[in-house]
Amino acid sequence: MANNPSRATALPGILLLVALAVLVSLGNWQMRRLAWKLDLIDKVETRLGADPVAPPGPANWNGLDQDAIDYRQVRLAGRYLDGETHVFTALGDPKGRYGGPGYWVIVPFETDEGWTVFVNRGFVPQDLKDPAKRPGSAAPSGIQTITGTIRHAETDGVSLEVEPEKNIWYRRDQAELAKAAGLKPDDVAPYTITSMRG
């Protein structure tokens, strides 16, 4: 039986249409992703350039929209509590003198209104994790006014196990950090503040 010439020419045409549809779909996805990224950059830059405001207190925590507060500039007064926890990270493009693998140093901060928030005081490389190797780096004592940036809670997306016996965490999950610090998770703000001063 002879091959049908129309069938032989139809198959490449169908494959070409499928390939074209895939390419158009990928192009649309890239354009949507670019628009999302540009919107995010604009939102972050706008929020970072705004004057600091008071951070959301306990009355606003229930149902708080994390995206609406992320990167907001805030100012608050209170005092640092004892202890620090370490959240593993890797700075691939350091802005300061340190880079590579290390830890965010997270310290609980009790506001003058009586509630607590975790403050990210900055990055230390792995070999400086022990506070004893960082003389003068302890959180200041007494009443402090800090200015910083709200960062959303990290409650998913990381599959690594925490290592509480080594004081190592792999995300800024306020519930986990609160337990490590001996605090009740419901009494701690559902976000962290990355300190710029104080």
C-alpha atoms as a PDB file:
ATOM      1  CA  MET A   1       0.000   0.000   0.000  1.00  0.00           C
ATOM      2  CA  ALA A   2       1.463   3.401  -0.974  1.00  0.00           C
ATOM      3  CA  ASN A   3       2.094   6.089   1.615  1.00  0.00           C
ATOM      4  CA  ASN A   4      -0.421   8.888   1.660  1.00  0.00           C
ATOM      5  CA  PRO A   5       1.539  12.048   0.614  1.00  0.00           C
ATOM      6  CA  SER A   6      -0.912  14.390   2.328  1.00  0.00           C
ATOM      7  CA  ARG A   7      -0.427  12.534   5.638  1.00  0.00           C
ATOM      8  CA  ALA A   8       3.384  12.726   5.250  1.00  0.00           C
ATOM      9  CA  THR A   9       3.263  16.502   4.779  1.00  0.00           C
ATOM     10  CA  ALA A  10       0.629  17.062   7.504  1.00  0.00           C
ATOM     11  CA  LEU A  11       2.745  15.644  10.351  1.00  0.00           C
ATOM     12  CA  PRO A  12       5.560  18.233  10.074  1.00  0.00           C
ATOM     13  CA  GLY A  13       2.927  20.967   9.865  1.00  0.00           C
ATOM     14  CA  ILE A  14       1.234  19.746  13.047  1.00  0.00           C
ATOM     15  CA  LEU A  15       4.593  19.518  14.858  1.00  0.00           C
ATOM     16  CA  LEU A  16       5.440  23.038  13.695  1.00  0.00           C
ATOM     17  CA  LEU A  17       2.124  24.368  15.057  1.00  0.00           C
ATOM     18  CA  VAL A  18       2.692  22.615  18.395  1.00  0.00           C
ATOM     19  CA  ALA A  19       6.237  24.046  18.624  1.00  0.00           C
ATOM     20  CA  LEU A  20       4.918  27.510  17.739  1.00  0.00           C
ATOM     21  CA  ALA A  21       2.215  27.280  20.416  1.00  0.00           C
ATOM     22  CA  VAL A  22       4.821  26.273  23.015  1.00  0.00           C
ATOM     23  CA  LEU A  23       7.102  29.158  22.039  1.00  0.00           C
ATOM     24  CA  VAL A  24       4.246  31.689  22.152  1.00  0.00           C
ATOM     25  CA  SER A  25       3.214  30.362  25.561  1.00  0.00           C
ATOM     26  CA  LEU A  26       6.778  30.641  26.891  1.00  0.00           C
ATOM     27  CA  GLY A  27       7.062  34.156  25.492  1.00  0.00           C
ATOM     28  CA  ASN A  28       3.828  35.199  27.219  1.00  0.00           C
ATOM     29  CA  TRP A  29       5.027  33.649  30.491  1.00  0.00           C
ATOM     30  CA  GLN A  30       8.336  35.545  30.238  1.00  0.00           C
ATOM     31  CA  MET A  31       6.502  38.825  29.618  1.00  0.00           C
ATOM     32  CA  ARG A  32       4.168  38.251  32.591  1.00  0.00           C
ATOM     33  CA  ARG A  33       7.171  37.377  34.771  1.00  0.00           C
ATOM     34  CA  LEU A  34       9.011  40.507  33.616  1.00  0.00           C
ATOM     35  CA  ALA A  35       5.965  42.677  34.390  1.00  0.00           C
ATOM     36  CA  TRP A  36       5.683  41.038  37.854  1.00  0.00           C
ATOM     37  CA  LYS A  37       9.397  41.581  38.517  1.00  0.00           C
ATOM     38  CA  LEU A  38       9.323  45.231  37.418  1.00  0.00           C
ATOM     39  CA  ASP A  39       6.247  45.821  39.592  1.00  0.00           C
ATOM     40  CA  LEU A  40       8.014  44.204  42.557  1.00  0.00           C
ATOM     41  CA  ILE A  41      11.153  46.321  42.037  1.00  0.00           C
ATOM     42  CA  ASP A  42       9.042  49.483  41.823  1.00  0.00           C
ATOM     43  CA  LYS A  43       7.112  48.524  44.960  1.00  0.00           C
ATOM     44  CA  VAL A  44      10.296  47.749  46.905  1.00  0.00           C
ATOM     45  CA  GLU A  45      12.025  50.963  45.822  1.00  0.00           C
ATOM     46  CA  THR A  46       8.955  53.029  46.714  1.00  0.00           C
ATOM     47  CA  ARG A  47       8.656  51.423  50.138  1.00  0.00           C
ATOM     48  CA  LEU A  48      12.381  51.656  50.874  1.00  0.00           C
ATOM     49  CA  GLY A  49      12.295  55.364  50.027  1.00  0.00           C
ATOM     50  CA  ALA A  50       9.290  56.147  52.240  1.00  0.00           C
ATOM     51  CA  ASP A  51       9.510  57.705  55.682  1.00  0.00           C
ATOM     52  CA  PRO A  52       9.483  55.184  58.557  1.00  0.00           C
ATOM     53  CA  VAL A  53       6.167  54.480  60.261  1.00  0.00           C
ATOM     54  CA  ALA A  54       5.173  52.452  63.298  1.00  0.00           C
ATOM     55  CA  PRO A  55       5.093  48.696  62.564  1.00  0.00           C
ATOM     56  CA  PRO A  56       1.807  46.776  62.852  1.00  0.00           C
ATOM     57  CA  GLY A  57       1.084  45.867  66.468  1.00  0.00           C
ATOM     58  CA  PRO A  58      -0.812  42.881  67.892  1.00  0.00           C
ATOM     59  CA  ALA A  59      -4.237  44.346  67.062  1.00  0.00           C
ATOM     60  CA  ASN A  60      -3.327  44.056  63.359  1.00  0.00           C
ATOM     61  CA  TRP A  61      -1.576  40.669  63.314  1.00  0.00           C
ATOM     62  CA  ASN A  62      -4.596  38.480  62.678  1.00  0.00           C
ATOM     63  CA  GLY A  63      -4.975  38.161  58.913  1.00  0.00           C
ATOM     64  CA  LEU A  64      -2.065  40.521  58.230  1.00  0.00           C
ATOM     65  CA  ASP A  65      -1.281  40.761  54.501  1.00  0.00           C
ATOM     66  CA  GLN A  66       2.446  39.984  54.405  1.00  0.00           C
ATOM     67  CA  ASP A  67       2.855  41.299  50.846  1.00  0.00           C
ATOM     68  CA  ALA A  68       1.307  44.626  51.846  1.00  0.00           C
ATOM     69  CA  ILE A  69       3.878  45.213  54.597  1.00  0.00           C
ATOM     70  CA  ASP A  70       6.998  43.649  53.066  1.00  0.00           C
ATOM     71  CA  TYR A  71       9.823  46.215  52.726  1.00  0.00           C
ATOM     72  CA  ARG A  72       7.947  48.902  54.667  1.00  0.00           C
ATOM     73  CA  GLN A  73      10.241  51.237  56.585  1.00  0.00           C
ATOM     74  CA  VAL A  74       9.492  51.298  60.307  1.00  0.00           C
ATOM     75  CA  ARG A  75      10.772  52.929  63.475  1.00  0.00           C
ATOM     76  CA  LEU A  76      10.172  51.613  66.977  1.00  0.00           C
ATOM     77  CA  ALA A  77      11.503  51.949  70.494  1.00  0.00           C
ATOM     78  CA  GLY A  78      12.181  49.274  73.071  1.00  0.00           C
ATOM     79  CA  ARG A  79      14.975  47.047  74.261  1.00  0.00           C
ATOM     80  CA  TYR A  80      16.799  43.989  73.000  1.00  0.00           C
ATOM     81  CA  LEU A  81      16.255  40.800  74.948  1.00  0.00           C
ATOM     82  CA  ASP A  82      19.017  38.323  75.705  1.00  0.00           C
ATOM     83  CA  GLY A  83      20.129  35.732  73.189  1.00  0.00           C
ATOM     84  CA  GLU A  84      20.528  35.528  69.450  1.00  0.00           C
ATOM     85  CA  THR A  85      19.514  32.917  66.919  1.00  0.00           C
ATOM     86  CA  HIS A  86      21.271  32.241  63.639  1.00  0.00           C
ATOM     87  CA  VAL A  87      19.515  31.798  60.289  1.00  0.00           C
ATOM     88  CA  PHE A  88      21.752  30.264  57.629  1.00  0.00           C
ATOM     89  CA  THR A  89      22.175  32.142  54.362  1.00  0.00           C
ATOM     90  CA  ALA A  90      24.734  32.624  51.603  1.00  0.00           C
ATOM     91  CA  LEU A  91      25.585  36.050  50.259  1.00  0.00           C
ATOM     92  CA  GLY A  92      26.627  35.577  46.657  1.00  0.00           C
ATOM     93  CA  ASP A  93      27.147  39.272  45.949  1.00  0.00           C
ATOM     94  CA  PRO A  94      28.226  40.911  49.202  1.00  0.00           C
ATOM     95  CA  LYS A  95      27.486  44.603  49.690  1.00  0.00           C
ATOM     96  CA  GLY A  96      29.820  44.863  52.687  1.00  0.00           C
ATOM     97  CA  ARG A  97      33.101  43.255  53.670  1.00  0.00           C
ATOM     98  CA  TYR A  98      31.650  39.768  54.151  1.00  0.00           C
ATOM     99  CA  GLY A  99      30.142  37.297  51.725  1.00  0.00           C
ATOM    100  CA  GLY A 100      29.639  33.594  51.140  1.00  0.00           C
ATOM    101  CA  PRO A 101      27.958  31.249  53.636  1.00  0.00           C
ATOM    102  CA  GLY A 102      27.071  32.601  57.040  1.00  0.00           C
ATOM    103  CA  TYR A 103      24.190  33.605  59.304  1.00  0.00           C
ATOM    104  CA  TRP A 104      21.694  36.362  59.873  1.00  0.00           C
ATOM    105  CA  VAL A 105      21.923  37.289  63.561  1.00  0.00           C
ATOM    106  CA  ILE A 106      18.340  37.474  64.845  1.00  0.00           C
ATOM    107  CA  VAL A 107      17.619  39.014  68.273  1.00  0.00           C
ATOM    108  CA  PRO A 108      14.257  39.431  70.043  1.00  0.00           C
ATOM    109  CA  PHE A 109      13.265  43.056  70.656  1.00  0.00           C
ATOM    110  CA  GLU A 110      10.614  44.031  73.199  1.00  0.00           C
ATOM    111  CA  THR A 111       8.882  47.221  72.130  1.00  0.00           C
ATOM    112  CA  ASP A 112       7.937  49.958  74.543  1.00  0.00           C
ATOM    113  CA  GLU A 113       4.321  48.892  73.900  1.00  0.00           C
ATOM    114  CA  GLY A 114       5.079  45.463  75.412  1.00  0.00           C
ATOM    115  CA  TRP A 115       5.058  43.196  72.355  1.00  0.00           C
ATOM    116  CA  THR A 116       8.056  41.460  70.785  1.00  0.00           C
ATOM    117  CA  VAL A 117       9.498  41.342  67.272  1.00  0.00           C
ATOM    118  CA  PHE A 118      12.612  39.612  65.967  1.00  0.00           C
ATOM    119  CA  VAL A 119      15.245  41.990  64.613  1.00  0.00           C
ATOM    120  CA  ASN A 120      17.815  40.941  62.042  1.00  0.00           C
ATOM    121  CA  ARG A 121      20.988  42.740  63.181  1.00  0.00           C
ATOM    122  CA  GLY A 122      23.020  41.690  60.155  1.00  0.00           C
ATOM    123  CA  PHE A 123      25.202  39.036  58.595  1.00  0.00           C
ATOM    124  CA  VAL A 124      28.175  37.184  60.044  1.00  0.00           C
ATOM    125  CA  PRO A 125      30.318  34.616  58.200  1.00  0.00           C
ATOM    126  CA  GLN A 126      30.326  31.020  59.407  1.00  0.00           C
ATOM    127  CA  ASP A 127      33.555  31.347  61.366  1.00  0.00           C
ATOM    128  CA  LEU A 128      32.109  34.246  63.395  1.00  0.00           C
ATOM    129  CA  LYS A 129      28.868  32.535  64.422  1.00  0.00           C
ATOM    130  CA  ASP A 130      30.014  32.356  68.058  1.00  0.00           C
ATOM    131  CA  PRO A 131      29.324  35.777  69.673  1.00  0.00           C
ATOM    132  CA  ALA A 132      32.534  35.361  71.709  1.00  0.00           C
ATOM    133  CA  LYS A 133      34.464  35.731  68.443  1.00  0.00           C
ATOM    134  CA  ARG A 134      32.728  39.061  67.783  1.00  0.00           C
ATOM    135  CA  PRO A 135      33.713  41.376  70.651  1.00  0.00           C
ATOM    136  CA  GLY A 136      31.524  44.444  70.785  1.00  0.00           C
ATOM    137  CA  SER A 137      28.882  42.987  68.497  1.00  0.00           C
ATOM    138  CA  ALA A 138      26.270  42.287  71.168  1.00  0.00           C
ATOM    139  CA  ALA A 139      22.951  44.060  70.893  1.00  0.00           C
ATOM    140  CA  PRO A 140      23.063  47.366  72.793  1.00  0.00           C
ATOM    141  CA  SER A 141      21.468  47.433  76.225  1.00  0.00           C
ATOM    142  CA  GLY A 142      18.853  49.825  77.507  1.00  0.00           C
ATOM    143  CA  ILE A 143      16.109  51.600  75.591  1.00  0.00           C
ATOM    144  CA  GLN A 144      16.869  51.826  71.872  1.00  0.00           C
ATOM    145  CA  THR A 145      15.123  53.364  68.902  1.00  0.00           C
ATOM    146  CA  ILE A 146      15.647  51.285  65.790  1.00  0.00           C
ATOM    147  CA  THR A 147      14.847  51.983  62.170  1.00  0.00           C
ATOM    148  CA  GLY A 148      14.505  49.083  59.795  1.00  0.00           C
ATOM    149  CA  THR A 149      12.706  47.235  57.051  1.00  0.00           C
ATOM    150  CA  ILE A 150       9.859  44.779  57.595  1.00  0.00           C
ATOM    151  CA  ARG A 151      10.465  41.394  55.998  1.00  0.00           C
ATOM    152  CA  HIS A 152       7.685  38.863  55.552  1.00  0.00           C
ATOM    153  CA  ALA A 153       7.580  35.599  57.447  1.00  0.00           C
ATOM    154  CA  GLU A 154       9.291  32.600  55.866  1.00  0.00           C
ATOM    155  CA  THR A 155       7.038  29.687  56.688  1.00  0.00           C
ATOM    156  CA  ASP A 156       7.524  27.440  53.667  1.00  0.00           C
ATOM    157  CA  GLY A 157       9.749  26.760  50.711  1.00  0.00           C
ATOM    158  CA  VAL A 158      12.696  25.444  52.708  1.00  0.00           C
ATOM    159  CA  SER A 159      12.967  21.690  53.167  1.00  0.00           C
ATOM    160  CA  LEU A 160      16.110  21.628  55.326  1.00  0.00           C
ATOM    161  CA  GLU A 161      15.736  20.463  58.914  1.00  0.00           C
ATOM    162  CA  VAL A 162      16.492  23.003  61.611  1.00  0.00           C
ATOM    163  CA  GLU A 163      19.390  22.281  63.933  1.00  0.00           C
ATOM    164  CA  PRO A 164      18.262  23.797  67.248  1.00  0.00           C
ATOM    165  CA  GLU A 165      21.027  22.048  69.187  1.00  0.00           C
ATOM    166  CA  LYS A 166      23.521  24.096  67.127  1.00  0.00           C
ATOM    167  CA  ASN A 167      21.357  27.241  67.140  1.00  0.00           C
ATOM    168  CA  ILE A 168      21.027  27.043  63.339  1.00  0.00           C
ATOM    169  CA  TRP A 169      17.792  27.763  61.476  1.00  0.00           C
ATOM    170  CA  TYR A 170      17.085  27.800  57.757  1.00  0.00           C
ATOM    171  CA  ARG A 171      14.308  30.364  57.539  1.00  0.00           C
ATOM    172  CA  ARG A 172      12.902  33.334  59.410  1.00  0.00           C
ATOM    173  CA  ASP A 173       9.872  31.540  60.810  1.00  0.00           C
ATOM    174  CA  GLN A 174       8.675  33.530  63.815  1.00  0.00           C
ATOM    175  CA  ALA A 175       7.045  30.504  65.477  1.00  0.00           C
ATOM    176  CA  GLU A 176      10.306  28.512  65.317  1.00  0.00           C
ATOM    177  CA  LEU A 177      12.401  31.479  66.451  1.00  0.00           C
ATOM    178  CA  ALA A 178      10.006  32.224  69.314  1.00  0.00           C
ATOM    179  CA  LYS A 179      10.231  28.667  70.624  1.00  0.00           C
ATOM    180  CA  ALA A 180      14.035  28.810  70.407  1.00  0.00           C
ATOM    181  CA  ALA A 181      14.030  32.042  72.432  1.00  0.00           C
ATOM    182  CA  GLY A 182      11.575  30.686  75.025  1.00  0.00           C
ATOM    183  CA  LEU A 183       8.784  33.015  73.871  1.00  0.00           C
ATOM    184  CA  LYS A 184       5.158  32.270  73.042  1.00  0.00           C
ATOM    185  CA  PRO A 185       4.732  32.391  69.234  1.00  0.00           C
ATOM    186  CA  ASP A 186       1.411  34.264  69.569  1.00  0.00           C
ATOM    187  CA  ASP A 187       3.187  37.048  71.471  1.00  0.00           C
ATOM    188  CA  VAL A 188       5.716  37.692  68.681  1.00  0.00           C
ATOM    189  CA  ALA A 189       5.113  39.777  65.551  1.00  0.00           C
ATOM    190  CA  PRO A 190       4.499  37.655  62.416  1.00  0.00           C
ATOM    191  CA  TYR A 191       7.371  39.357  60.573  1.00  0.00           C
ATOM    192  CA  THR A 192      10.979  40.357  61.214  1.00  0.00           C
ATOM    193  CA  ILE A 193      12.643  43.747  61.011  1.00  0.00           C
ATOM    194  CA  THR A 194      16.011  44.113  59.328  1.00  0.00           C
ATOM    195  CA  SER A 195      17.733  46.814  61.333  1.00  0.00           C
ATOM    196  CA  MET A 196      19.455  49.694  59.571  1.00  0.00           C
ATOM    197  CA  ARG A 197      20.340  51.554  62.755  1.00  0.00           C
ATOM    198  CA  GLY A 198      20.188  50.561  66.398  1.00  0.00           C
END
